[in-house]
């Protein structure tokens, strides 16, 4: 697979509406005061991250279609578990899902998209900082549960939780690369599972109907 042209990259960057997250410290993980937190969210600690950019929303079906047209990408059998784009029909997405997150894509597939456009998957630390801000908030919009809140998401990102879970570049545990962390609980999860800090995981070849991705970029 070749790399995108400058024009293709610029158009995709504009389509993704990359948001710049400034350097600085933030509260990562959950404190003991969060009674909903599981052990893999603790301890809460202060982490410094350099400036980076991250897409305002997950990659959509339409954007994935553009990627396929521009790159000619065809995943190998080793890059997915057989469910790659299973919600599409004859190689096309349902028209009413044009701006919905592309799902049924594996981490390998997501990496291919990012590589073609000079992007990358975020680390889970970057994802959490972008979603929760610097103040250690429980939810991306603040400290309580609500529905369809307007203008309250940290750093200008949208649909961070309760939509599709998102691939990150971070191994779930440091001992192997056989499982990678997912962040952002999906639409069927309870409120306790769509907080900013829960960790989930899957093997990198797995495709699911509730997993998408949000690219990031160094500055």
N, C-alpha and C. Protein backbone atom coordinates (compact mmCIF):
# COMPACT_ATOMS: atom_id res chain seq x y z
N UNK A 1 0.85 -1.19 0.00
CA UNK A 1 0.00 0.00 0.00
C UNK A 1 0.88 1.24 0.00
N UNK A 2 0.63 2.14 -0.95
CA UNK A 2 1.41 3.36 -1.04
C UNK A 2 0.95 4.37 0.01
N UNK A 3 1.69 5.47 0.13
CA UNK A 3 1.28 6.53 1.04
C UNK A 3 0.43 7.54 0.29
N UNK A 4 -0.38 8.28 1.03
CA UNK A 4 -1.26 9.27 0.43
C UNK A 4 -0.45 10.44 -0.12
N UNK A 5 -1.06 11.17 -1.05
CA UNK A 5 -0.45 12.39 -1.56
C UNK A 5 -0.69 13.52 -0.55
N UNK A 6 0.01 14.62 -0.72
CA UNK A 6 -0.17 15.76 0.16
C UNK A 6 -1.61 16.25 0.13
N UNK A 7 -2.20 16.30 -1.05
CA UNK A 7 -3.59 16.74 -1.19
C UNK A 7 -4.54 15.80 -0.47
N UNK A 8 -4.33 14.51 -0.61
CA UNK A 8 -5.19 13.54 0.07
C UNK A 8 -5.08 13.67 1.58
N UNK A 9 -3.85 13.86 2.07
CA UNK A 9 -3.66 14.02 3.52
C UNK A 9 -4.37 15.27 4.03
N UNK A 10 -4.19 16.36 3.31
CA UNK A 10 -4.81 17.62 3.74
C UNK A 10 -6.33 17.50 3.79
N UNK A 11 -6.90 16.87 2.78
CA UNK A 11 -8.35 16.73 2.74
C UNK A 11 -8.85 15.84 3.88
N UNK A 12 -8.11 14.79 4.18
CA UNK A 12 -8.54 13.91 5.27
C UNK A 12 -8.37 14.61 6.61
N UNK A 13 -7.27 15.34 6.80
CA UNK A 13 -7.07 16.09 8.05
C UNK A 13 -8.24 17.05 8.28
N UNK A 14 -8.64 17.77 7.22
CA UNK A 14 -9.76 18.71 7.34
C UNK A 14 -11.05 17.97 7.67
N UNK A 15 -11.24 16.82 7.06
CA UNK A 15 -12.43 16.02 7.32
C UNK A 15 -12.48 15.53 8.75
N UNK A 16 -11.32 15.18 9.31
CA UNK A 16 -11.25 14.65 10.67
C UNK A 16 -11.34 15.74 11.74
N UNK A 17 -11.13 17.00 11.35
CA UNK A 17 -11.18 18.12 12.30
C UNK A 17 -10.27 17.86 13.50
N UNK A 18 -8.97 17.71 13.24
CA UNK A 18 -8.01 17.40 14.29
C UNK A 18 -7.96 18.51 15.34
N UNK A 19 -8.06 18.12 16.60
CA UNK A 19 -8.08 19.05 17.73
C UNK A 19 -6.72 18.98 18.43
N UNK A 20 -6.12 20.14 18.68
CA UNK A 20 -4.82 20.16 19.35
C UNK A 20 -5.00 20.14 20.86
N UNK A 21 -4.31 19.20 21.51
CA UNK A 21 -4.33 19.07 22.97
C UNK A 21 -2.98 19.59 23.47
N UNK A 22 -2.96 20.70 24.19
CA UNK A 22 -1.68 21.31 24.59
C UNK A 22 -0.94 20.47 25.62
N UNK A 23 0.36 20.66 25.67
CA UNK A 23 1.18 19.93 26.63
C UNK A 23 0.81 20.31 28.06
N UNK A 24 1.12 19.40 28.97
CA UNK A 24 0.84 19.69 30.38
C UNK A 24 0.47 18.45 31.15
N UNK A 25 0.21 18.65 32.41
CA UNK A 25 -0.14 17.55 33.30
C UNK A 25 -1.65 17.35 33.36
N UNK A 26 -2.07 16.13 33.70
CA UNK A 26 -3.48 15.84 33.92
C UNK A 26 -3.59 14.66 34.88
N UNK A 27 -4.76 14.48 35.45
CA UNK A 27 -5.01 13.37 36.36
C UNK A 27 -5.43 12.15 35.55
N UNK A 28 -4.64 11.09 35.65
CA UNK A 28 -4.88 9.87 34.89
C UNK A 28 -5.32 8.75 35.83
N UNK A 29 -6.39 8.06 35.47
CA UNK A 29 -6.87 6.96 36.30
C UNK A 29 -7.89 7.42 37.32
N UNK A 30 -8.25 6.51 38.23
CA UNK A 30 -9.31 6.76 39.21
C UNK A 30 -8.76 6.74 40.63
N UNK A 31 -9.35 7.58 41.44
CA UNK A 31 -8.97 7.62 42.85
C UNK A 31 -9.85 6.65 43.65
N UNK A 32 -9.49 6.45 44.90
CA UNK A 32 -10.28 5.58 45.77
C UNK A 32 -11.65 6.17 46.08
N UNK A 33 -11.84 7.45 45.82
CA UNK A 33 -13.13 8.08 46.05
C UNK A 33 -14.17 7.66 45.00
N UNK A 34 -13.69 7.16 43.87
CA UNK A 34 -14.60 6.71 42.82
C UNK A 34 -15.01 5.27 43.11
N UNK A 35 -16.18 5.11 43.66
CA UNK A 35 -16.65 3.78 44.07
C UNK A 35 -16.97 2.88 42.89
N UNK A 36 -17.07 3.44 41.69
CA UNK A 36 -17.35 2.63 40.50
C UNK A 36 -16.08 2.10 39.84
N UNK A 37 -14.93 2.56 40.29
CA UNK A 37 -13.67 2.22 39.63
C UNK A 37 -13.25 0.79 39.91
N UNK A 38 -12.69 0.15 38.92
CA UNK A 38 -12.11 -1.19 39.08
C UNK A 38 -10.61 -1.06 39.34
N UNK A 39 -9.98 -2.17 39.69
CA UNK A 39 -8.58 -2.14 40.10
C UNK A 39 -7.64 -1.69 38.99
N UNK A 40 -8.00 -1.99 37.72
CA UNK A 40 -7.08 -1.61 36.63
C UNK A 40 -7.13 -0.12 36.30
N UNK A 41 -7.99 0.64 36.98
CA UNK A 41 -8.02 2.09 36.80
C UNK A 41 -7.16 2.81 37.84
N UNK A 42 -6.67 2.08 38.83
CA UNK A 42 -5.96 2.70 39.94
C UNK A 42 -4.47 2.36 39.90
N UNK A 43 -3.65 3.16 40.56
CA UNK A 43 -3.97 4.38 41.30
C UNK A 43 -4.10 5.57 40.37
N UNK A 44 -4.76 6.62 40.84
CA UNK A 44 -4.77 7.86 40.08
C UNK A 44 -3.43 8.57 40.26
N UNK A 45 -2.89 9.09 39.17
CA UNK A 45 -1.61 9.78 39.27
C UNK A 45 -1.56 10.92 38.27
N UNK A 46 -0.61 11.81 38.46
CA UNK A 46 -0.42 12.95 37.58
C UNK A 46 0.58 12.58 36.49
N UNK A 47 0.20 12.81 35.24
CA UNK A 47 1.04 12.46 34.09
C UNK A 47 1.22 13.70 33.21
N UNK A 48 2.43 13.87 32.70
CA UNK A 48 2.71 14.96 31.76
C UNK A 48 2.74 14.39 30.34
N UNK A 49 2.06 15.04 29.40
CA UNK A 49 2.10 14.66 27.99
C UNK A 49 2.47 15.86 27.14
N UNK A 50 3.24 15.62 26.10
CA UNK A 50 3.55 16.67 25.14
C UNK A 50 2.32 16.96 24.27
N UNK A 51 2.38 18.07 23.54
CA UNK A 51 1.27 18.45 22.68
C UNK A 51 1.04 17.41 21.60
N UNK A 52 -0.22 17.12 21.31
CA UNK A 52 -0.59 16.22 20.23
C UNK A 52 -1.93 16.65 19.66
N UNK A 53 -2.32 16.06 18.55
CA UNK A 53 -3.63 16.31 17.96
C UNK A 53 -4.43 15.00 17.93
N UNK A 54 -5.75 15.14 17.98
CA UNK A 54 -6.61 13.96 17.94
C UNK A 54 -7.90 14.33 17.22
N UNK A 55 -8.47 13.38 16.50
CA UNK A 55 -9.67 13.65 15.70
C UNK A 55 -10.86 14.01 16.59
N UNK A 56 -11.67 14.91 16.12
CA UNK A 56 -12.83 15.37 16.90
C UNK A 56 -13.85 14.25 17.10
N UNK A 57 -13.98 13.37 16.11
CA UNK A 57 -14.88 12.22 16.21
C UNK A 57 -14.15 10.97 15.72
N UNK A 58 -14.80 9.84 15.88
CA UNK A 58 -14.26 8.61 15.29
C UNK A 58 -14.30 8.70 13.76
N UNK A 59 -13.45 7.93 13.11
CA UNK A 59 -13.50 7.81 11.66
C UNK A 59 -14.86 7.25 11.25
N UNK A 60 -15.47 7.86 10.25
CA UNK A 60 -16.82 7.48 9.83
C UNK A 60 -16.77 6.46 8.68
N UNK A 61 -17.93 5.90 8.39
CA UNK A 61 -18.05 4.99 7.24
C UNK A 61 -17.64 5.69 5.95
N UNK A 62 -18.06 6.95 5.79
CA UNK A 62 -17.71 7.69 4.58
C UNK A 62 -16.21 7.89 4.48
N UNK A 63 -15.57 8.26 5.58
CA UNK A 63 -14.12 8.46 5.57
C UNK A 63 -13.38 7.16 5.29
N UNK A 64 -13.89 6.06 5.82
CA UNK A 64 -13.26 4.76 5.55
C UNK A 64 -13.40 4.41 4.07
N UNK A 65 -14.53 4.74 3.47
CA UNK A 65 -14.74 4.48 2.05
C UNK A 65 -13.75 5.28 1.21
N UNK A 66 -13.52 6.54 1.59
CA UNK A 66 -12.53 7.37 0.89
C UNK A 66 -11.15 6.73 1.00
N UNK A 67 -10.81 6.26 2.20
CA UNK A 67 -9.52 5.58 2.40
C UNK A 67 -9.37 4.39 1.47
N UNK A 68 -10.39 3.57 1.36
CA UNK A 68 -10.31 2.39 0.50
C UNK A 68 -10.11 2.79 -0.96
N UNK A 69 -10.79 3.84 -1.38
CA UNK A 69 -10.66 4.29 -2.77
C UNK A 69 -9.27 4.85 -3.04
N UNK A 70 -8.74 5.61 -2.10
CA UNK A 70 -7.46 6.27 -2.33
C UNK A 70 -6.27 5.34 -2.14
N UNK A 71 -6.41 4.35 -1.26
CA UNK A 71 -5.27 3.49 -0.94
C UNK A 71 -5.31 2.14 -1.63
N UNK A 72 -6.51 1.67 -2.02
CA UNK A 72 -6.63 0.32 -2.56
C UNK A 72 -6.43 -0.75 -1.50
N UNK A 73 -6.56 -0.37 -0.24
CA UNK A 73 -6.29 -1.29 0.88
C UNK A 73 -7.22 -2.50 0.86
N UNK A 74 -6.63 -3.68 0.97
CA UNK A 74 -7.36 -4.93 1.13
C UNK A 74 -6.68 -5.73 2.24
N UNK A 75 -7.35 -5.87 3.37
CA UNK A 75 -6.69 -6.54 4.51
C UNK A 75 -6.43 -8.01 4.24
N UNK A 76 -5.35 -8.50 4.79
CA UNK A 76 -5.05 -9.92 4.70
C UNK A 76 -5.90 -10.69 5.71
N UNK A 77 -5.94 -12.00 5.58
CA UNK A 77 -6.71 -12.84 6.50
C UNK A 77 -6.19 -12.71 7.93
N UNK A 78 -4.89 -12.44 8.06
CA UNK A 78 -4.29 -12.33 9.39
C UNK A 78 -4.66 -11.02 10.08
N UNK A 79 -5.19 -10.06 9.33
CA UNK A 79 -5.46 -8.74 9.89
C UNK A 79 -6.87 -8.59 10.46
N UNK A 80 -7.69 -9.62 10.37
CA UNK A 80 -9.03 -9.54 10.95
C UNK A 80 -9.56 -10.95 11.23
N UNK A 81 -10.63 -11.00 11.99
CA UNK A 81 -11.17 -12.28 12.45
C UNK A 81 -12.31 -12.81 11.59
N UNK A 82 -12.53 -12.20 10.42
CA UNK A 82 -13.60 -12.63 9.54
C UNK A 82 -14.80 -11.71 9.53
N UNK A 83 -14.85 -10.76 10.47
CA UNK A 83 -16.00 -9.86 10.56
C UNK A 83 -15.70 -8.46 10.02
N UNK A 84 -14.64 -8.31 9.28
CA UNK A 84 -14.26 -7.02 8.73
C UNK A 84 -15.40 -6.44 7.90
N UNK A 85 -15.87 -5.24 8.28
CA UNK A 85 -16.93 -4.51 7.57
C UNK A 85 -18.17 -5.36 7.32
N UNK A 86 -18.52 -6.20 8.25
CA UNK A 86 -19.66 -7.09 8.03
C UNK A 86 -20.98 -6.33 7.96
N UNK A 87 -21.02 -5.07 8.42
CA UNK A 87 -22.24 -4.27 8.34
C UNK A 87 -22.39 -3.59 6.98
N UNK A 88 -21.38 -3.66 6.12
CA UNK A 88 -21.48 -3.14 4.76
C UNK A 88 -22.10 -4.20 3.85
N UNK A 89 -22.64 -3.78 2.74
CA UNK A 89 -23.24 -4.70 1.78
C UNK A 89 -22.59 -4.50 0.42
N UNK A 90 -21.99 -5.59 -0.09
CA UNK A 90 -21.31 -5.55 -1.39
C UNK A 90 -20.29 -4.40 -1.47
N UNK A 91 -19.55 -4.26 -0.39
CA UNK A 91 -18.48 -3.28 -0.36
C UNK A 91 -18.92 -1.84 -0.18
N UNK A 92 -20.20 -1.63 0.19
CA UNK A 92 -20.69 -0.26 0.38
C UNK A 92 -21.39 -0.15 1.73
N UNK A 93 -21.22 1.00 2.38
CA UNK A 93 -21.88 1.21 3.66
C UNK A 93 -23.34 1.62 3.43
N UNK A 94 -24.22 1.30 4.37
CA UNK A 94 -25.61 1.78 4.27
C UNK A 94 -25.62 3.30 4.25
N UNK A 95 -26.32 3.89 3.30
CA UNK A 95 -26.26 5.34 3.10
C UNK A 95 -26.67 6.13 4.33
N UNK A 96 -27.59 5.59 5.13
CA UNK A 96 -28.03 6.33 6.32
C UNK A 96 -27.00 6.28 7.44
N UNK A 97 -25.93 5.48 7.26
CA UNK A 97 -24.86 5.39 8.26
C UNK A 97 -23.59 6.11 7.80
N UNK A 98 -23.73 7.00 6.85
CA UNK A 98 -22.58 7.69 6.27
C UNK A 98 -21.69 8.34 7.32
N UNK A 99 -22.29 9.01 8.29
CA UNK A 99 -21.52 9.74 9.30
C UNK A 99 -21.44 9.01 10.63
N UNK A 100 -21.84 7.74 10.65
CA UNK A 100 -21.66 6.92 11.84
C UNK A 100 -20.22 6.40 11.89
N UNK A 101 -19.72 6.08 13.08
CA UNK A 101 -18.36 5.52 13.16
C UNK A 101 -18.24 4.24 12.35
N UNK A 102 -17.15 4.10 11.64
CA UNK A 102 -16.89 2.81 11.00
C UNK A 102 -16.53 1.82 12.10
N UNK A 103 -17.22 0.70 12.13
CA UNK A 103 -16.97 -0.35 13.11
C UNK A 103 -16.63 -1.63 12.35
N UNK A 104 -16.48 -2.72 13.08
CA UNK A 104 -16.02 -3.97 12.46
C UNK A 104 -14.69 -3.76 11.74
N UNK A 105 -13.83 -2.98 12.36
CA UNK A 105 -12.45 -2.82 11.87
C UNK A 105 -11.51 -3.20 13.01
N UNK A 106 -10.50 -3.96 12.68
CA UNK A 106 -9.53 -4.41 13.68
C UNK A 106 -8.50 -3.31 13.94
N UNK A 107 -7.66 -3.54 14.94
CA UNK A 107 -6.56 -2.61 15.17
C UNK A 107 -5.63 -2.59 13.96
N UNK A 108 -5.40 -3.74 13.35
CA UNK A 108 -4.56 -3.78 12.15
C UNK A 108 -5.15 -2.89 11.05
N UNK A 109 -6.47 -2.98 10.86
CA UNK A 109 -7.12 -2.15 9.85
C UNK A 109 -6.98 -0.67 10.19
N UNK A 110 -7.21 -0.33 11.46
CA UNK A 110 -7.09 1.06 11.90
C UNK A 110 -5.67 1.58 11.69
N UNK A 111 -4.68 0.75 12.00
CA UNK A 111 -3.28 1.14 11.80
C UNK A 111 -3.00 1.43 10.32
N UNK A 112 -3.62 0.65 9.43
CA UNK A 112 -3.41 0.85 7.99
C UNK A 112 -3.94 2.21 7.55
N UNK A 113 -5.13 2.58 8.03
CA UNK A 113 -5.69 3.90 7.74
C UNK A 113 -4.75 4.99 8.22
N UNK A 114 -4.32 4.88 9.47
CA UNK A 114 -3.46 5.91 10.06
C UNK A 114 -2.14 6.02 9.31
N UNK A 115 -1.54 4.90 8.98
CA UNK A 115 -0.26 4.91 8.28
C UNK A 115 -0.38 5.59 6.92
N UNK A 116 -1.47 5.33 6.21
CA UNK A 116 -1.65 5.89 4.87
C UNK A 116 -1.71 7.41 4.91
N UNK A 117 -2.33 7.96 5.95
CA UNK A 117 -2.50 9.41 6.02
C UNK A 117 -1.50 10.10 6.95
N UNK A 118 -0.48 9.38 7.38
CA UNK A 118 0.53 9.99 8.24
C UNK A 118 0.03 10.27 9.64
N UNK A 119 -0.88 9.44 10.11
CA UNK A 119 -1.45 9.57 11.44
C UNK A 119 -1.04 8.36 12.28
N UNK A 120 -1.64 8.21 13.45
CA UNK A 120 -1.39 7.06 14.31
C UNK A 120 -2.55 6.92 15.29
N UNK A 121 -2.65 5.79 15.93
CA UNK A 121 -3.61 5.64 17.00
C UNK A 121 -3.10 6.33 18.25
N UNK A 122 -3.97 6.90 19.06
CA UNK A 122 -3.52 7.53 20.30
C UNK A 122 -3.12 6.49 21.33
N UNK A 123 -2.23 6.86 22.23
CA UNK A 123 -2.02 6.02 23.41
C UNK A 123 -3.25 6.17 24.31
N UNK A 124 -3.42 5.25 25.24
CA UNK A 124 -4.58 5.41 26.10
C UNK A 124 -4.43 6.60 27.05
N UNK A 125 -3.19 7.00 27.36
CA UNK A 125 -2.99 8.20 28.16
C UNK A 125 -3.43 9.44 27.38
N UNK A 126 -3.09 9.50 26.10
CA UNK A 126 -3.52 10.62 25.26
C UNK A 126 -5.04 10.64 25.13
N UNK A 127 -5.62 9.48 24.91
CA UNK A 127 -7.08 9.42 24.77
C UNK A 127 -7.74 9.96 26.04
N UNK A 128 -7.27 9.52 27.20
CA UNK A 128 -7.91 9.94 28.44
C UNK A 128 -7.74 11.43 28.69
N UNK A 129 -6.56 11.98 28.40
CA UNK A 129 -6.37 13.42 28.60
C UNK A 129 -7.29 14.21 27.69
N UNK A 130 -7.40 13.79 26.43
CA UNK A 130 -8.23 14.51 25.48
C UNK A 130 -9.70 14.47 25.86
N UNK A 131 -10.12 13.36 26.46
CA UNK A 131 -11.53 13.17 26.79
C UNK A 131 -11.91 13.80 28.12
N UNK A 132 -11.05 13.69 29.12
CA UNK A 132 -11.45 14.15 30.46
C UNK A 132 -10.85 15.48 30.85
N UNK A 133 -9.89 16.00 30.08
CA UNK A 133 -9.26 17.25 30.45
C UNK A 133 -8.26 17.06 31.58
N UNK A 134 -7.94 18.16 32.27
CA UNK A 134 -6.90 18.14 33.28
C UNK A 134 -7.42 17.89 34.69
N UNK A 135 -8.74 17.91 34.87
CA UNK A 135 -9.27 17.97 36.22
C UNK A 135 -9.75 16.64 36.79
N UNK A 136 -9.50 15.52 36.10
CA UNK A 136 -9.87 14.22 36.64
C UNK A 136 -11.36 13.97 36.70
N UNK A 137 -12.13 14.59 35.82
CA UNK A 137 -13.59 14.44 35.83
C UNK A 137 -13.99 12.99 35.57
N UNK A 138 -15.12 12.56 36.13
CA UNK A 138 -15.59 11.19 35.96
C UNK A 138 -16.04 10.92 34.53
N UNK A 139 -16.79 11.86 33.98
CA UNK A 139 -17.32 11.73 32.62
C UNK A 139 -16.73 12.85 31.76
N UNK A 140 -16.76 12.68 30.46
CA UNK A 140 -16.13 13.67 29.59
C UNK A 140 -16.81 15.03 29.68
N UNK A 141 -18.06 15.06 30.11
CA UNK A 141 -18.78 16.33 30.25
C UNK A 141 -18.76 16.87 31.67
N UNK A 142 -18.24 16.12 32.62
CA UNK A 142 -18.21 16.59 34.00
C UNK A 142 -18.33 15.46 35.00
N UNK A 143 -19.04 15.70 36.10
CA UNK A 143 -19.06 14.73 37.18
C UNK A 143 -20.35 13.99 37.38
N UNK A 144 -21.37 14.26 36.54
CA UNK A 144 -22.65 13.59 36.70
C UNK A 144 -23.13 13.02 35.38
N UNK A 145 -24.16 12.16 35.46
CA UNK A 145 -24.70 11.54 34.26
C UNK A 145 -25.79 12.43 33.67
N UNK A 146 -25.78 12.57 32.35
CA UNK A 146 -26.82 13.33 31.66
C UNK A 146 -27.09 12.74 30.29
N UNK A 147 -27.96 13.37 29.52
CA UNK A 147 -28.29 12.88 28.20
C UNK A 147 -28.17 14.02 27.18
N UNK A 148 -27.40 13.77 26.12
CA UNK A 148 -27.28 14.71 25.01
C UNK A 148 -26.90 16.11 25.48
N UNK A 149 -25.93 16.19 26.37
CA UNK A 149 -25.49 17.49 26.86
C UNK A 149 -24.76 18.25 25.76
N UNK A 150 -25.01 19.53 25.66
CA UNK A 150 -24.45 20.33 24.57
C UNK A 150 -23.27 21.18 25.06
N UNK A 151 -22.17 21.16 24.28
CA UNK A 151 -21.07 22.08 24.53
C UNK A 151 -20.29 21.82 25.80
N UNK A 152 -20.36 20.62 26.35
CA UNK A 152 -19.72 20.39 27.64
C UNK A 152 -18.61 19.35 27.58
N UNK A 153 -18.29 18.84 26.40
CA UNK A 153 -17.24 17.85 26.30
C UNK A 153 -15.87 18.51 26.39
N UNK A 154 -14.95 17.87 27.09
CA UNK A 154 -13.63 18.44 27.30
C UNK A 154 -12.88 18.56 25.98
N UNK A 155 -12.16 19.66 25.80
CA UNK A 155 -11.21 19.86 24.69
C UNK A 155 -11.87 19.90 23.32
N UNK A 156 -13.20 19.91 23.23
CA UNK A 156 -13.87 20.04 21.95
C UNK A 156 -14.12 18.74 21.22
N UNK A 157 -13.83 17.59 21.84
CA UNK A 157 -14.10 16.31 21.21
C UNK A 157 -15.58 15.94 21.36
N UNK A 158 -16.06 15.09 20.45
CA UNK A 158 -17.45 14.65 20.47
C UNK A 158 -17.54 13.13 20.49
N UNK A 159 -18.64 12.62 21.04
CA UNK A 159 -18.97 11.19 21.00
C UNK A 159 -17.85 10.33 21.57
N UNK A 160 -17.29 10.77 22.69
CA UNK A 160 -16.14 10.09 23.27
C UNK A 160 -16.53 8.80 24.00
N UNK A 161 -17.68 8.80 24.62
CA UNK A 161 -18.15 7.63 25.37
C UNK A 161 -19.61 7.38 25.04
N UNK A 162 -20.03 6.14 25.20
CA UNK A 162 -21.41 5.79 24.93
C UNK A 162 -21.75 5.74 23.46
N UNK A 163 -20.76 5.69 22.60
CA UNK A 163 -20.98 5.62 21.16
C UNK A 163 -20.33 4.34 20.64
N UNK A 164 -19.07 4.39 20.27
CA UNK A 164 -18.29 3.20 19.92
C UNK A 164 -17.04 3.17 20.78
N UNK A 165 -16.62 1.98 21.18
CA UNK A 165 -15.32 1.86 21.84
C UNK A 165 -14.23 2.14 20.81
N UNK A 166 -13.05 2.54 21.29
CA UNK A 166 -12.01 3.01 20.37
C UNK A 166 -10.67 2.32 20.63
N UNK A 167 -10.05 1.88 19.54
CA UNK A 167 -8.72 1.29 19.62
C UNK A 167 -7.70 2.32 20.09
N UNK A 168 -6.73 1.88 20.87
CA UNK A 168 -5.55 2.69 21.17
C UNK A 168 -4.31 1.90 20.76
N UNK A 169 -3.17 2.55 20.81
CA UNK A 169 -1.90 1.89 20.47
C UNK A 169 -1.25 1.22 21.67
N UNK A 170 -1.90 1.30 22.84
CA UNK A 170 -1.28 0.82 24.08
C UNK A 170 -1.60 -0.65 24.35
N UNK A 171 -0.57 -1.48 24.56
CA UNK A 171 -0.84 -2.85 25.01
C UNK A 171 -1.60 -2.85 26.32
N UNK A 172 -2.51 -3.81 26.50
CA UNK A 172 -3.30 -3.85 27.73
C UNK A 172 -2.42 -4.15 28.93
N UNK A 173 -1.42 -4.99 28.73
CA UNK A 173 -0.44 -5.22 29.79
C UNK A 173 0.94 -5.16 29.17
N UNK A 174 1.91 -4.83 29.96
CA UNK A 174 3.25 -4.57 29.44
C UNK A 174 4.01 -5.84 29.05
N UNK A 175 3.46 -7.00 29.36
CA UNK A 175 4.20 -8.24 29.13
C UNK A 175 4.10 -8.74 27.69
N UNK A 176 3.09 -8.28 26.93
CA UNK A 176 2.95 -8.78 25.55
C UNK A 176 2.14 -7.80 24.72
N UNK A 177 2.18 -8.00 23.40
CA UNK A 177 1.38 -7.20 22.48
C UNK A 177 0.21 -8.00 21.94
N UNK A 178 -0.23 -8.99 22.68
CA UNK A 178 -1.32 -9.85 22.21
C UNK A 178 -2.69 -9.24 22.45
N UNK A 179 -2.77 -8.24 23.33
CA UNK A 179 -4.04 -7.57 23.61
C UNK A 179 -3.78 -6.06 23.72
N UNK A 180 -4.69 -5.29 23.15
CA UNK A 180 -4.53 -3.83 23.17
C UNK A 180 -5.73 -3.17 23.84
N UNK A 181 -5.45 -2.05 24.47
CA UNK A 181 -6.48 -1.34 25.23
C UNK A 181 -7.48 -0.65 24.31
N UNK A 182 -8.73 -0.71 24.75
CA UNK A 182 -9.83 0.02 24.14
C UNK A 182 -10.34 1.02 25.16
N UNK A 183 -10.78 2.18 24.71
CA UNK A 183 -11.31 3.18 25.62
C UNK A 183 -12.66 3.67 25.12
N UNK A 184 -13.48 4.18 26.06
CA UNK A 184 -14.79 4.72 25.70
C UNK A 184 -15.84 3.62 25.64
N UNK A 185 -16.67 3.50 26.65
CA UNK A 185 -17.70 2.47 26.63
C UNK A 185 -18.69 2.70 25.50
N UNK A 186 -19.28 1.63 24.98
CA UNK A 186 -20.16 1.79 23.83
C UNK A 186 -21.62 1.97 24.27
N UNK A 187 -22.51 2.07 23.28
CA UNK A 187 -23.86 2.58 23.52
C UNK A 187 -24.76 1.70 24.38
N UNK A 188 -24.42 0.46 24.61
CA UNK A 188 -25.25 -0.40 25.46
C UNK A 188 -24.75 -0.48 26.89
N UNK A 189 -23.66 0.23 27.19
CA UNK A 189 -23.07 0.13 28.52
C UNK A 189 -23.82 0.98 29.55
N UNK A 190 -23.75 0.52 30.80
CA UNK A 190 -24.29 1.28 31.92
C UNK A 190 -23.44 2.53 32.16
N UNK A 191 -24.01 3.49 32.90
CA UNK A 191 -23.31 4.75 33.15
C UNK A 191 -21.95 4.54 33.80
N UNK A 192 -21.83 3.56 34.67
CA UNK A 192 -20.56 3.32 35.37
C UNK A 192 -19.45 2.90 34.41
N UNK A 193 -19.83 2.38 33.23
CA UNK A 193 -18.84 1.87 32.29
C UNK A 193 -18.50 2.86 31.18
N UNK A 194 -19.16 4.02 31.19
CA UNK A 194 -18.83 5.03 30.19
C UNK A 194 -18.15 6.25 30.82
N UNK A 195 -17.55 6.04 31.99
CA UNK A 195 -16.70 7.07 32.57
C UNK A 195 -15.41 7.20 31.74
N UNK A 196 -14.58 8.15 32.08
CA UNK A 196 -13.38 8.40 31.28
C UNK A 196 -12.27 7.37 31.48
N UNK A 197 -12.27 6.68 32.62
CA UNK A 197 -11.08 5.91 32.99
C UNK A 197 -11.13 4.39 32.79
N UNK A 198 -12.29 3.74 32.54
CA UNK A 198 -12.26 2.28 32.38
C UNK A 198 -11.39 1.82 31.21
N UNK A 199 -10.76 0.65 31.40
CA UNK A 199 -9.92 0.03 30.37
C UNK A 199 -10.62 -1.25 29.89
N UNK A 200 -10.57 -1.46 28.59
CA UNK A 200 -11.06 -2.70 28.01
C UNK A 200 -9.96 -3.22 27.08
N UNK A 201 -10.11 -4.41 26.55
CA UNK A 201 -9.06 -4.93 25.67
C UNK A 201 -9.62 -5.95 24.68
N UNK A 202 -8.93 -6.09 23.57
CA UNK A 202 -9.18 -7.11 22.56
C UNK A 202 -7.86 -7.43 21.86
N UNK A 203 -7.81 -8.56 21.21
CA UNK A 203 -6.64 -8.89 20.39
C UNK A 203 -6.70 -8.05 19.11
N UNK A 204 -5.56 -7.72 18.51
CA UNK A 204 -5.53 -6.72 17.43
C UNK A 204 -6.21 -7.14 16.14
N UNK A 205 -6.52 -8.43 15.96
CA UNK A 205 -7.19 -8.87 14.74
C UNK A 205 -8.71 -8.91 14.88
N UNK A 206 -9.22 -8.62 16.05
CA UNK A 206 -10.66 -8.74 16.27
C UNK A 206 -11.42 -7.54 15.71
N UNK A 207 -12.53 -7.83 15.04
CA UNK A 207 -13.47 -6.83 14.57
C UNK A 207 -14.79 -7.03 15.31
N UNK A 208 -15.39 -5.96 15.76
CA UNK A 208 -16.67 -6.02 16.46
C UNK A 208 -17.55 -4.87 15.99
N UNK A 209 -18.85 -5.07 16.12
CA UNK A 209 -19.80 -4.06 15.69
C UNK A 209 -19.91 -2.87 16.59
N UNK A 210 -19.10 -2.83 17.66
CA UNK A 210 -19.14 -1.69 18.57
C UNK A 210 -17.75 -1.09 18.79
N UNK A 211 -16.79 -1.39 17.91
CA UNK A 211 -15.43 -0.88 18.05
C UNK A 211 -15.01 -0.11 16.80
N UNK A 212 -14.60 1.14 17.01
CA UNK A 212 -14.05 1.96 15.94
C UNK A 212 -12.72 2.55 16.36
N UNK A 213 -12.39 3.73 15.85
CA UNK A 213 -11.11 4.34 16.25
C UNK A 213 -11.12 5.83 15.92
N UNK A 214 -10.22 6.55 16.61
CA UNK A 214 -10.08 8.00 16.48
C UNK A 214 -8.58 8.28 16.32
N UNK A 215 -8.13 8.72 15.14
CA UNK A 215 -6.69 8.93 14.92
C UNK A 215 -6.10 10.07 15.73
N UNK A 216 -4.81 10.01 15.91
CA UNK A 216 -4.05 11.07 16.57
C UNK A 216 -2.85 11.43 15.70
N UNK A 217 -2.12 12.45 16.14
CA UNK A 217 -1.01 12.96 15.33
C UNK A 217 -0.07 13.75 16.22
N UNK A 218 1.24 13.58 16.01
CA UNK A 218 2.22 14.42 16.69
C UNK A 218 2.18 15.82 16.09
N UNK A 219 2.62 16.79 16.87
CA UNK A 219 2.66 18.16 16.34
C UNK A 219 4.07 18.53 15.94
